[in-house]
Amino acid sequence: MDILFLEQKAETECLKILSSNASAMEVRDLLGRFLTPNLAAASARHADSGVRDLASGYLNELADEGDPFAADLLRDLTNF
């Protein structure tokens, strides 16, 4: 439970960074250190097309590895 709590806290903080118009470099660094399907999905809506491509690639990798949340987020993004 402690690990889950810390992961959720980290994800919340990272989502704040993403929503604050983080630069493409900041987003790439962030995803390189900590990646969840929610962070990848949020990054897939970034203004920079390179970040969007990177995030979509991460979501595809996660979905290919069997992550059902990533697969659902990919479906949502294609319908966005």
PDB file of N, CA and C in Angstrom:
ATOM      1  N   MET A   1       0.817  -1.192   0.000  1.00  0.00           N
ATOM      2  CA  MET A   1       0.000   0.000   0.000  1.00  0.00           C
ATOM      3  C   MET A   1       0.862   1.258   0.000  1.00  0.00           C
ATOM      4  N   ASP A   2       2.003   1.183   0.659  1.00  0.00           N
ATOM      5  CA  ASP A   2       2.892   2.345   0.682  1.00  0.00           C
ATOM      6  C   ASP A   2       3.394   2.680  -0.717  1.00  0.00           C
ATOM      7  N   ILE A   3       3.738   1.649  -1.478  1.00  0.00           N
ATOM      8  CA  ILE A   3       4.245   1.865  -2.835  1.00  0.00           C
ATOM      9  C   ILE A   3       3.154   2.476  -3.706  1.00  0.00           C
ATOM     10  N   LEU A   4       1.950   1.943  -3.609  1.00  0.00           N
ATOM     11  CA  LEU A   4       0.839   2.481  -4.387  1.00  0.00           C
ATOM     12  C   LEU A   4       0.592   3.943  -4.036  1.00  0.00           C
ATOM     13  N   PHE A   5       0.622   4.268  -2.751  1.00  0.00           N
ATOM     14  CA  PHE A   5       0.431   5.648  -2.311  1.00  0.00           C
ATOM     15  C   PHE A   5       1.494   6.564  -2.926  1.00  0.00           C
ATOM     16  N   LEU A   6       2.750   6.136  -2.870  1.00  0.00           N
ATOM     17  CA  LEU A   6       3.836   6.962  -3.403  1.00  0.00           C
ATOM     18  C   LEU A   6       3.746   7.102  -4.920  1.00  0.00           C
ATOM     19  N   GLU A   7       3.364   6.024  -5.613  1.00  0.00           N
ATOM     20  CA  GLU A   7       3.207   6.104  -7.067  1.00  0.00           C
ATOM     21  C   GLU A   7       2.095   7.070  -7.440  1.00  0.00           C
ATOM     22  N   GLN A   8       0.985   7.019  -6.718  1.00  0.00           N
ATOM     23  CA  GLN A   8      -0.124   7.932  -6.998  1.00  0.00           C
ATOM     24  C   GLN A   8       0.265   9.376  -6.705  1.00  0.00           C
ATOM     25  N   LYS A   9       1.008   9.571  -5.644  1.00  0.00           N
ATOM     26  CA  LYS A   9       1.467  10.925  -5.307  1.00  0.00           C
ATOM     27  C   LYS A   9       2.406  11.450  -6.393  1.00  0.00           C
ATOM     28  N   ALA A  10       3.334  10.611  -6.838  1.00  0.00           N
ATOM     29  CA  ALA A  10       4.259  11.014  -7.894  1.00  0.00           C
ATOM     30  C   ALA A  10       3.510  11.312  -9.189  1.00  0.00           C
ATOM     31  N   GLU A  11       2.529  10.472  -9.516  1.00  0.00           N
ATOM     32  CA  GLU A  11       1.759  10.699 -10.732  1.00  0.00           C
ATOM     33  C   GLU A  11       1.007  12.027 -10.656  1.00  0.00           C
ATOM     34  N   THR A  12       0.415  12.318  -9.524  1.00  0.00           N
ATOM     35  CA  THR A  12      -0.315  13.574  -9.341  1.00  0.00           C
ATOM     36  C   THR A  12       0.611  14.770  -9.550  1.00  0.00           C
ATOM     37  N   GLU A  13       1.798  14.712  -8.980  1.00  0.00           N
ATOM     38  CA  GLU A  13       2.761  15.809  -9.137  1.00  0.00           C
ATOM     39  C   GLU A  13       3.202  15.945 -10.600  1.00  0.00           C
ATOM     40  N   CYS A  14       3.417  14.825 -11.262  1.00  0.00           N
ATOM     41  CA  CYS A  14       3.835  14.860 -12.668  1.00  0.00           C
ATOM     42  C   CYS A  14       2.725  15.410 -13.550  1.00  0.00           C
ATOM     43  N   LEU A  15       1.479  15.057 -13.260  1.00  0.00           N
ATOM     44  CA  LEU A  15       0.350  15.595 -14.027  1.00  0.00           C
ATOM     45  C   LEU A  15       0.258  17.108 -13.869  1.00  0.00           C
ATOM     46  N   LYS A  16       0.586  17.618 -12.680  1.00  0.00           N
ATOM     47  CA  LYS A  16       0.611  19.068 -12.470  1.00  0.00           C
ATOM     48  C   LYS A  16       1.668  19.717 -13.358  1.00  0.00           C
ATOM     49  N   ILE A  17       2.825  19.089 -13.437  1.00  0.00           N
ATOM     50  CA  ILE A  17       3.899  19.610 -14.285  1.00  0.00           C
ATOM     51  C   ILE A  17       3.449  19.637 -15.738  1.00  0.00           C
ATOM     52  N   LEU A  18       2.824  18.553 -16.185  1.00  0.00           N
ATOM     53  CA  LEU A  18       2.363  18.473 -17.574  1.00  0.00           C
ATOM     54  C   LEU A  18       1.298  19.521 -17.885  1.00  0.00           C
ATOM     55  N   SER A  19       0.438  19.802 -16.927  1.00  0.00           N
ATOM     56  CA  SER A  19      -0.635  20.760 -17.175  1.00  0.00           C
ATOM     57  C   SER A  19      -0.160  22.206 -17.071  1.00  0.00           C
ATOM     58  N   SER A  20       1.072  22.402 -16.645  1.00  0.00           N
ATOM     59  CA  SER A  20       1.588  23.764 -16.495  1.00  0.00           C
ATOM     60  C   SER A  20       2.398  24.212 -17.711  1.00  0.00           C
ATOM     61  N   ASN A  21       2.055  23.698 -18.873  1.00  0.00           N
ATOM     62  CA  ASN A  21       2.744  24.057 -20.117  1.00  0.00           C
ATOM     63  C   ASN A  21       4.235  23.750 -20.059  1.00  0.00           C
ATOM     64  N   ALA A  22       4.561  22.583 -19.577  1.00  0.00           N
ATOM     65  CA  ALA A  22       5.958  22.161 -19.514  1.00  0.00           C
ATOM     66  C   ALA A  22       6.550  22.132 -20.919  1.00  0.00           C
ATOM     67  N   SER A  23       7.828  22.406 -20.986  1.00  0.00           N
ATOM     68  CA  SER A  23       8.500  22.378 -22.285  1.00  0.00           C
ATOM     69  C   SER A  23       8.628  20.932 -22.766  1.00  0.00           C
ATOM     70  N   ALA A  24       8.876  20.777 -24.045  1.00  0.00           N
ATOM     71  CA  ALA A  24       9.038  19.442 -24.617  1.00  0.00           C
ATOM     72  C   ALA A  24      10.178  18.693 -23.935  1.00  0.00           C
ATOM     73  N   MET A  25      11.263  19.398 -23.631  1.00  0.00           N
ATOM     74  CA  MET A  25      12.401  18.763 -22.973  1.00  0.00           C
ATOM     75  C   MET A  25      12.018  18.275 -21.578  1.00  0.00           C
ATOM     76  N   GLU A  26      11.264  19.098 -20.840  1.00  0.00           N
ATOM     77  CA  GLU A  26      10.817  18.706 -19.503  1.00  0.00           C
ATOM     78  C   GLU A  26       9.932  17.462 -19.558  1.00  0.00           C
ATOM     79  N   VAL A  27       9.038  17.414 -20.534  1.00  0.00           N
ATOM     80  CA  VAL A  27       8.141  16.264 -20.659  1.00  0.00           C
ATOM     81  C   VAL A  27       8.934  15.010 -21.013  1.00  0.00           C
ATOM     82  N   ARG A  28       9.864  15.131 -21.933  1.00  0.00           N
ATOM     83  CA  ARG A  28      10.683  13.970 -22.308  1.00  0.00           C
ATOM     84  C   ARG A  28      11.474  13.463 -21.101  1.00  0.00           C
ATOM     85  N   ASP A  29      12.051  14.359 -20.337  1.00  0.00           N
ATOM     86  CA  ASP A  29      12.791  13.963 -19.135  1.00  0.00           C
ATOM     87  C   ASP A  29      11.875  13.300 -18.116  1.00  0.00           C
ATOM     88  N   LEU A  30      10.702  13.890 -17.927  1.00  0.00           N
ATOM     89  CA  LEU A  30       9.746  13.355 -16.972  1.00  0.00           C
ATOM     90  C   LEU A  30       9.336  11.927 -17.351  1.00  0.00           C
ATOM     91  N   LEU A  31       8.982  11.712 -18.610  1.00  0.00           N
ATOM     92  CA  LEU A  31       8.562  10.385 -19.047  1.00  0.00           C
ATOM     93  C   LEU A  31       9.712   9.387 -19.009  1.00  0.00           C
ATOM     94  N   GLY A  32      10.920   9.869 -19.161  1.00  0.00           N
ATOM     95  CA  GLY A  32      12.080   8.992 -19.066  1.00  0.00           C
ATOM     96  C   GLY A  32      12.338   8.510 -17.645  1.00  0.00           C
ATOM     97  N   ARG A  33      11.874   9.274 -16.662  1.00  0.00           N
ATOM     98  CA  ARG A  33      12.082   8.911 -15.254  1.00  0.00           C
ATOM     99  C   ARG A  33      10.894   8.184 -14.649  1.00  0.00           C
ATOM    100  N   PHE A  34       9.688   8.575 -15.063  1.00  0.00           N
ATOM    101  CA  PHE A  34       8.489   8.020 -14.442  1.00  0.00           C
ATOM    102  C   PHE A  34       7.400   7.953 -15.503  1.00  0.00           C
ATOM    103  N   LEU A  35       6.919   6.759 -15.764  1.00  0.00           N
ATOM    104  CA  LEU A  35       5.939   6.580 -16.827  1.00  0.00           C
ATOM    105  C   LEU A  35       4.756   5.777 -16.317  1.00  0.00           C
ATOM    106  N   THR A  36       3.568   6.321 -16.508  1.00  0.00           N
ATOM    107  CA  THR A  36       2.329   5.597 -16.250  1.00  0.00           C
ATOM    108  C   THR A  36       1.442   5.820 -17.476  1.00  0.00           C
ATOM    109  N   PRO A  37       0.448   4.983 -17.672  1.00  0.00           N
ATOM    110  CA  PRO A  37      -0.458   5.230 -18.795  1.00  0.00           C
ATOM    111  C   PRO A  37      -1.110   6.618 -18.737  1.00  0.00           C
ATOM    112  N   ASN A  38      -1.472   7.073 -17.547  1.00  0.00           N
ATOM    113  CA  ASN A  38      -2.091   8.402 -17.418  1.00  0.00           C
ATOM    114  C   ASN A  38      -1.141   9.522 -17.824  1.00  0.00           C
ATOM    115  N   LEU A  39       0.123   9.395 -17.455  1.00  0.00           N
ATOM    116  CA  LEU A  39       1.098  10.424 -17.842  1.00  0.00           C
ATOM    117  C   LEU A  39       1.339  10.404 -19.342  1.00  0.00           C
ATOM    118  N   ALA A  40       1.416   9.214 -19.915  1.00  0.00           N
ATOM    119  CA  ALA A  40       1.601   9.113 -21.359  1.00  0.00           C
ATOM    120  C   ALA A  40       0.400   9.710 -22.088  1.00  0.00           C
ATOM    121  N   ALA A  41      -0.809   9.429 -21.596  1.00  0.00           N
ATOM    122  CA  ALA A  41      -2.014   9.981 -22.228  1.00  0.00           C
ATOM    123  C   ALA A  41      -2.039  11.496 -22.129  1.00  0.00           C
ATOM    124  N   ALA A  42      -1.677  12.037 -20.978  1.00  0.00           N
ATOM    125  CA  ALA A  42      -1.629  13.494 -20.819  1.00  0.00           C
ATOM    126  C   ALA A  42      -0.587  14.099 -21.751  1.00  0.00           C
ATOM    127  N   SER A  43       0.532  13.424 -21.912  1.00  0.00           N
ATOM    128  CA  SER A  43       1.597  13.904 -22.794  1.00  0.00           C
ATOM    129  C   SER A  43       1.195  13.798 -24.258  1.00  0.00           C
ATOM    130  N   ALA A  44       0.313  12.849 -24.563  1.00  0.00           N
ATOM    131  CA  ALA A  44      -0.139  12.681 -25.946  1.00  0.00           C
ATOM    132  C   ALA A  44      -1.007  13.859 -26.402  1.00  0.00           C
ATOM    133  N   ARG A  45      -1.349  14.732 -25.476  1.00  0.00           N
ATOM    134  CA  ARG A  45      -2.116  15.936 -25.816  1.00  0.00           C
ATOM    135  C   ARG A  45      -1.247  17.195 -25.753  1.00  0.00           C
ATOM    136  N   HIS A  46       0.060  17.015 -25.622  1.00  0.00           N
ATOM    137  CA  HIS A  46       1.002  18.136 -25.521  1.00  0.00           C
ATOM    138  C   HIS A  46       1.040  18.920 -26.829  1.00  0.00           C
ATOM    139  N   ALA A  47       1.391  20.179 -26.754  1.00  0.00           N
ATOM    140  CA  ALA A  47       1.442  21.044 -27.931  1.00  0.00           C
ATOM    141  C   ALA A  47       2.524  20.619 -28.919  1.00  0.00           C
ATOM    142  N   ASP A  48       3.611  20.036 -28.427  1.00  0.00           N
ATOM    143  CA  ASP A  48       4.737  19.639 -29.279  1.00  0.00           C
ATOM    144  C   ASP A  48       4.462  18.272 -29.916  1.00  0.00           C
ATOM    145  N   SER A  49       4.518  18.211 -31.231  1.00  0.00           N
ATOM    146  CA  SER A  49       4.212  16.955 -31.929  1.00  0.00           C
ATOM    147  C   SER A  49       5.216  15.854 -31.598  1.00  0.00           C
ATOM    148  N   GLY A  50       6.457  16.207 -31.330  1.00  0.00           N
ATOM    149  CA  GLY A  50       7.454  15.204 -30.951  1.00  0.00           C
ATOM    150  C   GLY A  50       7.106  14.546 -29.621  1.00  0.00           C
ATOM    151  N   VAL A  51       6.595  15.340 -28.685  1.00  0.00           N
ATOM    152  CA  VAL A  51       6.173  14.800 -27.389  1.00  0.00           C
ATOM    153  C   VAL A  51       4.953  13.917 -27.583  1.00  0.00           C
ATOM    154  N   ARG A  52       4.016  14.358 -28.415  1.00  0.00           N
ATOM    155  CA  ARG A  52       2.828  13.543 -28.681  1.00  0.00           C
ATOM    156  C   ARG A  52       3.219  12.192 -29.278  1.00  0.00           C
ATOM    157  N   ASP A  53       4.145  12.215 -30.222  1.00  0.00           N
ATOM    158  CA  ASP A  53       4.600  10.967 -30.840  1.00  0.00           C
ATOM    159  C   ASP A  53       5.280  10.063 -29.818  1.00  0.00           C
ATOM    160  N   LEU A  54       6.129  10.638 -28.985  1.00  0.00           N
ATOM    161  CA  LEU A  54       6.814   9.874 -27.947  1.00  0.00           C
ATOM    162  C   LEU A  54       5.799   9.245 -26.996  1.00  0.00           C
ATOM    163  N   ALA A  55       4.831  10.027 -26.562  1.00  0.00           N
ATOM    164  CA  ALA A  55       3.814   9.538 -25.633  1.00  0.00           C
ATOM    165  C   ALA A  55       2.973   8.437 -26.265  1.00  0.00           C
ATOM    166  N   SER A  56       2.599   8.606 -27.516  1.00  0.00           N
ATOM    167  CA  SER A  56       1.836   7.568 -28.203  1.00  0.00           C
ATOM    168  C   SER A  56       2.645   6.286 -28.326  1.00  0.00           C
ATOM    169  N   GLY A  57       3.937   6.439 -28.574  1.00  0.00           N
ATOM    170  CA  GLY A  57       4.808   5.273 -28.632  1.00  0.00           C
ATOM    171  C   GLY A  57       4.855   4.538 -27.303  1.00  0.00           C
ATOM    172  N   TYR A  58       4.965   5.295 -26.213  1.00  0.00           N
ATOM    173  CA  TYR A  58       4.951   4.677 -24.885  1.00  0.00           C
ATOM    174  C   TYR A  58       3.628   3.959 -24.627  1.00  0.00           C
ATOM    175  N   LEU A  59       2.514   4.604 -24.991  1.00  0.00           N
ATOM    176  CA  LEU A  59       1.215   3.970 -24.782  1.00  0.00           C
ATOM    177  C   LEU A  59       1.097   2.681 -25.592  1.00  0.00           C
ATOM    178  N   ASN A  60       1.592   2.716 -26.817  1.00  0.00           N
ATOM    179  CA  ASN A  60       1.564   1.503 -27.645  1.00  0.00           C
ATOM    180  C   ASN A  60       2.412   0.395 -27.029  1.00  0.00           C
ATOM    181  N   GLU A  61       3.588   0.751 -26.522  1.00  0.00           N
ATOM    182  CA  GLU A  61       4.447  -0.249 -25.872  1.00  0.00           C
ATOM    183  C   GLU A  61       3.753  -0.860 -24.659  1.00  0.00           C
ATOM    184  N   LEU A  62       3.159  -0.005 -23.832  1.00  0.00           N
ATOM    185  CA  LEU A  62       2.468  -0.497 -22.642  1.00  0.00           C
ATOM    186  C   LEU A  62       1.294  -1.395 -23.025  1.00  0.00           C
ATOM    187  N   ALA A  63       0.535  -0.994 -24.034  1.00  0.00           N
ATOM    188  CA  ALA A  63      -0.605  -1.798 -24.480  1.00  0.00           C
ATOM    189  C   ALA A  63      -0.127  -3.136 -25.051  1.00  0.00           C
ATOM    190  N   ASP A  64       0.963  -3.100 -25.809  1.00  0.00           N
ATOM    191  CA  ASP A  64       1.523  -4.338 -26.374  1.00  0.00           C
ATOM    192  C   ASP A  64       1.995  -5.297 -25.292  1.00  0.00           C
ATOM    193  N   GLU A  65       2.402  -4.734 -24.153  1.00  0.00           N
ATOM    194  CA  GLU A  65       2.849  -5.566 -23.035  1.00  0.00           C
ATOM    195  C   GLU A  65       1.669  -6.070 -22.204  1.00  0.00           C
ATOM    196  N   GLY A  66       0.450  -5.712 -22.615  1.00  0.00           N
ATOM    197  CA  GLY A  66      -0.736  -6.215 -21.942  1.00  0.00           C
ATOM    198  C   GLY A  66      -1.362  -5.288 -20.931  1.00  0.00           C
ATOM    199  N   ASP A  67      -0.969  -4.026 -20.904  1.00  0.00           N
ATOM    200  CA  ASP A  67      -1.545  -3.078 -19.958  1.00  0.00           C
ATOM    201  C   ASP A  67      -2.924  -2.653 -20.457  1.00  0.00           C
ATOM    202  N   PRO A  68      -3.999  -3.087 -19.786  1.00  0.00           N
ATOM    203  CA  PRO A  68      -5.339  -2.754 -20.270  1.00  0.00           C
ATOM    204  C   PRO A  68      -5.666  -1.261 -20.173  1.00  0.00           C
ATOM    205  N   PHE A  69      -5.088  -0.570 -19.205  1.00  0.00           N
ATOM    206  CA  PHE A  69      -5.327   0.869 -19.069  1.00  0.00           C
ATOM    207  C   PHE A  69      -4.750   1.626 -20.257  1.00  0.00           C
ATOM    208  N   ALA A  70      -3.562   1.241 -20.684  1.00  0.00           N
ATOM    209  CA  ALA A  70      -2.938   1.884 -21.842  1.00  0.00           C
ATOM    210  C   ALA A  70      -3.767   1.632 -23.098  1.00  0.00           C
ATOM    211  N   ALA A  71      -4.253   0.406 -23.251  1.00  0.00           N
ATOM    212  CA  ALA A  71      -5.077   0.086 -24.422  1.00  0.00           C
ATOM    213  C   ALA A  71      -6.346   0.935 -24.442  1.00  0.00           C
ATOM    214  N   ASP A  72      -6.986   1.094 -23.281  1.00  0.00           N
ATOM    215  CA  ASP A  72      -8.188   1.928 -23.199  1.00  0.00           C
ATOM    216  C   ASP A  72      -7.872   3.390 -23.511  1.00  0.00           C
ATOM    217  N   LEU A  73      -6.759   3.881 -22.986  1.00  0.00           N
ATOM    218  CA  LEU A  73      -6.375   5.269 -23.242  1.00  0.00           C
ATOM    219  C   LEU A  73      -6.068   5.496 -24.712  1.00  0.00           C
ATOM    220  N   LEU A  74      -5.446   4.528 -25.363  1.00  0.00           N
ATOM    221  CA  LEU A  74      -5.174   4.648 -26.796  1.00  0.00           C
ATOM    222  C   LEU A  74      -6.471   4.738 -27.581  1.00  0.00           C
ATOM    223  N   ARG A  75      -7.442   3.924 -27.224  1.00  0.00           N
ATOM    224  CA  ARG A  75      -8.743   3.990 -27.894  1.00  0.00           C
ATOM    225  C   ARG A  75      -9.375   5.369 -27.697  1.00  0.00           C
ATOM    226  N   ASP A  76      -9.295   5.881 -26.475  1.00  0.00           N
ATOM    227  CA  ASP A  76      -9.857   7.212 -26.195  1.00  0.00           C
ATOM    228  C   ASP A  76      -9.151   8.291 -26.999  1.00  0.00           C
ATOM    229  N   LEU A  77      -7.848   8.185 -27.134  1.00  0.00           N
ATOM    230  CA  LEU A  77      -7.080   9.196 -27.870  1.00  0.00           C
ATOM    231  C   LEU A  77      -7.409   9.180 -29.355  1.00  0.00           C
ATOM    232  N   THR A  78      -7.645   8.000 -29.907  1.00  0.00           N
ATOM    233  CA  THR A  78      -7.966   7.942 -31.335  1.00  0.00           C
ATOM    234  C   THR A  78      -9.363   8.474 -31.608  1.00  0.00           C
ATOM    235  N   ASN A  79     -10.209   8.485 -30.573  1.00  0.00           N
ATOM    236  CA  ASN A  79     -11.561   9.044 -30.710  1.00  0.00           C
ATOM    237  C   ASN A  79     -11.617  10.501 -30.279  1.00  0.00           C
ATOM    238  N   PHE A  80     -10.492  11.070 -29.845  1.00  0.00           N
ATOM    239  CA  PHE A  80     -10.395  12.436 -29.310  1.00  0.00           C
ATOM    240  C   PHE A  80     -10.505  13.455 -30.401  1.00  0.00           C
TER     241      PHE A  80
END
